[in-house]
Protein backbone atom coordinates (compact mmCIF):
# COMPACT_ATOMS: atom_id res chain seq x y z
CA MET A 1 -0.25 -0.13 -0.29
CA ARG A 2 1.13 3.02 -1.02
CA VAL A 3 1.37 5.98 1.74
CA GLN A 4 0.97 9.77 0.51
CA VAL A 5 2.53 11.80 2.09
CA PRO A 6 1.89 15.88 2.10
CA LEU A 7 3.84 18.19 -0.52
CA ALA A 8 4.12 20.83 2.73
CA ARG A 9 5.77 18.28 4.77
CA ILE A 10 8.01 17.10 1.84
CA GLY A 11 9.21 20.94 1.92
CA ALA A 12 8.93 20.79 5.94
CA LEU A 13 11.40 17.76 6.12
CA SER A 14 13.35 19.09 2.82
CA ALA A 15 14.27 22.50 5.06
CA MET A 16 15.63 20.10 7.79
CA LEU A 17 17.98 18.40 6.32
CA LEU A 18 19.27 21.23 4.62
CA LEU A 19 18.99 23.47 7.88
CA LEU A 20 21.27 20.61 9.61
CA SER A 21 23.35 19.84 6.70
CA ALA A 22 24.42 23.78 6.90
CA CYS A 23 25.28 23.48 11.35
CA ALA A 24 27.43 20.08 10.57
CA ALA A 25 29.23 22.14 8.10
CA LYS A 26 29.92 25.06 10.11
CA PRO A 27 33.63 25.14 10.54
CA ALA A 28 34.93 25.24 14.47
CA PRO A 29 35.64 28.52 16.35
CA ASP A 30 39.39 29.66 15.35
CA ARG A 31 41.61 29.39 18.74
CA ALA A 32 44.76 31.21 18.48
CA PRO A 33 47.79 28.60 18.30
CA PHE A 34 49.72 28.38 21.25
CA PRO A 35 53.73 30.13 20.13
CA THR A 36 56.02 27.78 18.18
CA PRO A 37 59.55 26.68 19.84
CA GLN A 38 60.71 29.98 17.32
CA ALA A 39 58.66 32.57 18.25
CA ALA A 40 58.57 32.08 22.26
CA PRO A 41 61.30 30.36 23.01
CA ASP A 42 61.46 30.85 27.12
CA LEU A 43 58.81 28.51 26.82
CA TYR A 44 60.08 25.96 26.47
CA GLN A 45 63.05 26.48 28.28
CA ALA A 46 63.28 25.67 32.41
CA PRO A 47 63.07 28.48 34.02
CA MET A 48 66.16 30.97 36.00
CA GLU A 49 66.04 33.61 38.17
CA ALA A 50 68.08 36.16 37.45
CA GLN A 51 68.31 37.09 40.73
CA THR A 52 67.34 35.90 43.99
CA ARG A 53 65.23 38.87 46.10
CA PHE A 54 63.78 37.60 48.93
CA ARG A 55 59.24 37.73 49.31
CA ILE A 56 57.13 37.41 51.82
CA GLY A 57 57.20 33.82 53.36
CA ASP A 58 60.87 33.08 52.31
CA SER A 59 62.58 31.26 54.50
CA ILE A 60 66.24 32.94 55.59
CA ALA A 61 69.67 30.78 56.87
CA VAL A 62 71.80 33.19 58.92
CA ARG A 63 75.13 31.26 59.60
CA SER A 64 78.44 32.34 61.05
CA TYR A 65 81.51 29.80 60.90
CA TYR A 66 83.39 31.70 63.76
CA ASP A 67 80.36 32.97 65.68
CA PRO A 68 77.33 30.30 65.74
CA GLN A 69 75.67 32.98 68.23
CA PHE A 70 74.43 34.69 65.31
CA ASN A 71 73.64 31.56 63.50
CA GLN A 72 69.45 32.50 63.06
CA ASP A 73 66.94 31.10 60.76
CA LEU A 74 64.02 33.85 59.66
CA MET A 75 61.30 34.53 58.46
CA VAL A 76 59.70 37.25 56.03
CA ARG A 77 56.24 38.41 57.94
CA PRO A 78 53.84 39.67 55.91
CA ASP A 79 54.70 42.78 56.28
CA GLY A 80 58.33 42.56 54.82
CA LYS A 81 59.88 42.06 57.77
CA VAL A 82 62.21 39.92 59.92
CA SER A 83 63.51 40.02 63.02
CA LEU A 84 66.85 40.03 63.99
CA LEU A 85 69.33 39.08 66.68
CA LEU A 86 70.37 41.92 68.56
CA LEU A 87 69.20 44.26 65.44
CA GLY A 88 65.21 44.03 66.01
CA GLU A 89 63.41 44.19 63.22
CA LEU A 90 64.14 44.76 59.66
CA ARG A 91 62.51 45.09 55.99
CA VAL A 92 63.87 42.50 53.38
CA VAL A 93 61.45 41.92 51.24
CA ASP A 94 63.45 42.74 47.60
CA MET A 95 66.58 42.26 48.58
CA THR A 96 69.06 39.78 47.48
CA PRO A 97 70.92 37.63 49.88
CA GLY A 98 74.37 39.78 48.81
CA GLU A 99 72.84 42.91 50.16
CA LEU A 100 70.79 41.45 53.44
CA ARG A 101 74.58 39.74 54.08
CA ALA A 102 76.15 43.20 53.59
CA LEU A 103 73.83 45.41 55.76
CA LEU A 104 74.28 42.30 58.63
CA LEU A 105 78.01 42.40 58.17
CA ARG A 106 77.92 46.45 58.41
CA GLN A 107 75.37 46.15 61.81
CA TYR A 108 77.05 42.96 63.26
CA SER A 109 80.58 44.43 63.32
CA LYS A 110 79.30 47.58 65.78
CA VAL A 111 79.28 44.81 68.34
CA ALA A 112 81.28 41.70 67.45
CA ASN A 113 84.83 41.91 65.86
CA ALA A 114 84.67 41.12 62.01
CA PRO A 115 81.79 38.86 62.22
CA ASP A 116 81.76 35.89 59.46
CA ILE A 117 78.08 35.61 58.44
CA THR A 118 76.26 34.09 55.15
CA VAL A 119 72.98 34.73 54.05
CA SER A 120 70.87 32.59 52.04
CA LEU A 121 67.73 31.42 51.19
CA ALA A 122 66.54 27.91 52.93
CA GLU A 123 63.01 27.87 51.05
CA SER A 124 61.12 29.98 48.85
CA ALA A 125 56.89 30.72 49.35
CA ASP A 126 55.74 31.53 46.59
CA LEU A 127 57.56 28.43 43.90
CA GLU A 128 54.07 27.14 43.57
CA ILE A 129 51.49 26.53 40.63
CA PHE A 130 47.61 26.22 41.10
CA LEU A 131 46.62 23.24 39.01
CA GLY A 132 42.02 23.28 38.81
CA GLY A 133 39.04 22.24 36.69
CA GLU A 134 39.25 18.83 35.37
CA VAL A 135 41.74 17.47 37.34
CA LYS A 136 41.65 14.44 39.88
CA GLN A 137 43.29 16.74 42.57
CA PRO A 138 42.69 20.45 42.27
CA SER A 139 45.98 21.37 44.48
CA VAL A 140 49.24 24.01 44.61
CA HIS A 141 51.77 22.75 44.20
CA ARG A 142 55.60 23.76 44.61
CA LEU A 143 58.22 23.91 42.13
CA LYS A 144 61.38 22.41 42.35
CA GLY A 145 63.51 22.65 39.98
CA SER A 146 62.20 22.92 36.07
CA LEU A 147 58.33 21.56 36.12
CA THR A 148 56.58 20.98 32.38
CA LEU A 149 52.85 21.36 31.72
CA LEU A 150 52.13 17.37 31.55
CA GLN A 151 54.64 16.76 34.49
CA SER A 152 52.15 18.93 37.00
CA ILE A 153 48.92 17.67 35.44
CA SER A 154 50.36 14.14 36.62
CA MET A 155 50.93 15.57 39.70
CA ALA A 156 47.09 16.15 39.94
CA GLY A 157 46.72 13.01 39.45
CA GLY A 158 46.24 13.82 35.87
CA LEU A 159 42.66 15.08 33.82
CA LEU A 160 39.54 13.77 34.91
CA PRO A 161 37.35 11.62 31.58
CA THR A 162 35.36 15.45 31.30
CA ALA A 163 38.25 17.43 30.76
CA ASN A 164 38.66 19.51 27.36
CA VAL A 165 42.44 17.85 26.35
CA HIS A 166 42.60 20.20 23.17
CA GLN A 167 42.32 23.35 24.85
CA VAL A 168 44.43 23.41 28.60
CA LEU A 169 44.47 27.04 29.78
CA LEU A 170 47.93 27.98 31.39
CA ILE A 171 47.69 31.96 32.68
CA ARG A 172 50.40 33.16 33.68
CA ARG A 173 51.69 37.22 35.12
CA ASP A 174 54.30 38.54 33.59
CA ALA A 175 56.21 41.42 35.52
CA THR A 176 54.19 44.53 34.47
CA GLY A 177 50.88 42.33 36.13
CA SER A 178 49.54 41.89 33.14
CA GLN A 179 47.95 38.47 32.27
CA ASP A 180 48.99 36.48 29.64
CA VAL A 181 47.01 33.00 28.83
CA PHE A 182 47.57 30.62 26.98
CA GLU A 183 45.65 27.26 25.45
CA VAL A 184 47.44 24.73 24.74
CA ASP A 185 46.27 21.40 23.00
CA LEU A 186 47.34 18.66 25.64
CA ALA A 187 46.49 16.13 23.33
CA ARG A 188 49.24 16.94 20.80
CA VAL A 189 51.68 16.99 23.45
CA LEU A 190 51.01 13.29 24.24
CA ARG A 191 51.74 13.05 20.60
CA ASN A 192 54.62 14.61 20.67
CA GLU A 193 53.90 16.88 18.05
CA ILE A 194 54.54 19.44 20.21
CA PRO A 195 57.35 20.65 22.77
CA ASP A 196 56.15 20.26 26.56
CA PRO A 197 56.05 23.90 27.81
CA TYR A 198 58.00 24.59 31.08
CA LEU A 199 55.85 25.99 33.95
CA ARG A 200 57.11 29.38 35.70
CA ARG A 201 56.22 30.38 39.46
CA HIS A 202 52.45 31.37 39.98
CA ASP A 203 51.29 29.95 36.99
CA LEU A 204 47.59 28.33 37.22
CA ILE A 205 46.88 25.43 34.91
CA TYR A 206 42.90 25.42 34.52
CA ALA A 207 41.58 22.07 32.31
CA PRO A 208 37.85 23.54 31.34
CA ARG A 209 35.28 20.89 31.08
CA THR A 210 33.85 22.37 27.41
CA ALA A 211 35.15 24.70 24.32
CA ILE A 212 35.99 28.12 25.02
CA ALA A 213 35.61 30.45 22.34
CA ASP A 214 37.54 33.45 23.61
CA ALA A 215 39.88 32.30 26.62
CA ASN A 216 40.79 36.01 27.73
CA ARG A 217 37.04 36.99 27.96
CA TRP A 218 36.66 33.35 29.63
CA VAL A 219 39.47 33.87 32.08
CA THR A 220 38.52 37.24 32.76
CA GLN A 221 34.50 36.51 33.88
CA HIS A 222 35.73 33.26 35.66
CA ILE A 223 38.96 33.34 37.66
CA ASP A 224 37.36 34.42 40.75
CA GLY A 225 35.00 31.09 40.78
CA ILE A 226 38.04 28.59 39.33
CA VAL A 227 40.49 29.39 41.87
CA PRO A 228 39.97 29.89 45.59
CA ASP A 229 40.04 33.42 47.39
CA SER A 230 43.24 31.89 48.98
CA VAL A 231 45.07 30.80 46.10
CA LEU A 232 44.99 34.15 44.41
CA PHE A 233 45.72 36.19 47.74
CA SER A 234 48.96 34.02 48.34
CA PHE A 235 49.95 33.93 45.05
CA GLY A 236 49.03 37.76 44.45
CA TRP A 237 46.97 37.22 41.65
CA VAL A 238 44.96 40.25 43.13
CA GLN A 239 41.96 41.74 40.67
CA GLN A 240 43.47 45.31 39.80
CA ASN A 241 43.65 46.96 36.91
CA THR A 242 44.43 43.67 35.29
CA LYS A 243 45.78 43.54 31.20
CA LEU A 244 44.69 40.71 29.53
CA GLY A 245 47.45 39.67 26.99
CA GLN A 246 46.88 39.01 23.20
């Protein structure tokens, strides 16, 4: 038995099929490619600080071989100061170990005969990175030596099955306070098609669940929600005149 279909219904079905075909053929939104080693070689090199400067939360070791009474372990307080034997409070934030040593030699020479003093950074408080989003263990990790993006994700237990492996965000603040957002296709890193970038202090790594059309705008709108306030504060990621890098 033949079933006759009204022409109006045939026309509606044809229009729907054409619409579906157009949607399927629509290309995905373009994403800025991750910089190549030639364009941004620093991203693919282990970080090296030009000069060590004391920061809040750092541990400082003051040692004297001939005058052990000057031996002391100091912690840089939130006000940037330390409490020194015989000298009292002293602001040391942003000083280098050499600058602090020279200052202590001058001050302690007033109470001792040519004291022999060395100053070193015992432990840095801010060599940390934060991993969040679709990772198994959102967490803060201390950088001990060099660390790549893939290694850091492994430290967080790896990505969840719901993670968008093609668009992992690496959020970095430069020396001027501006914020750069890099999109890394981790699948290509795993296939050894692109190098695994090295991380820097205070990098924020976020694995989103879905695709992001404009990563810079998305981070501006959501960073307060994806990163705990305690991490933002300790990392210095305060939202004050933050300029997003392109």
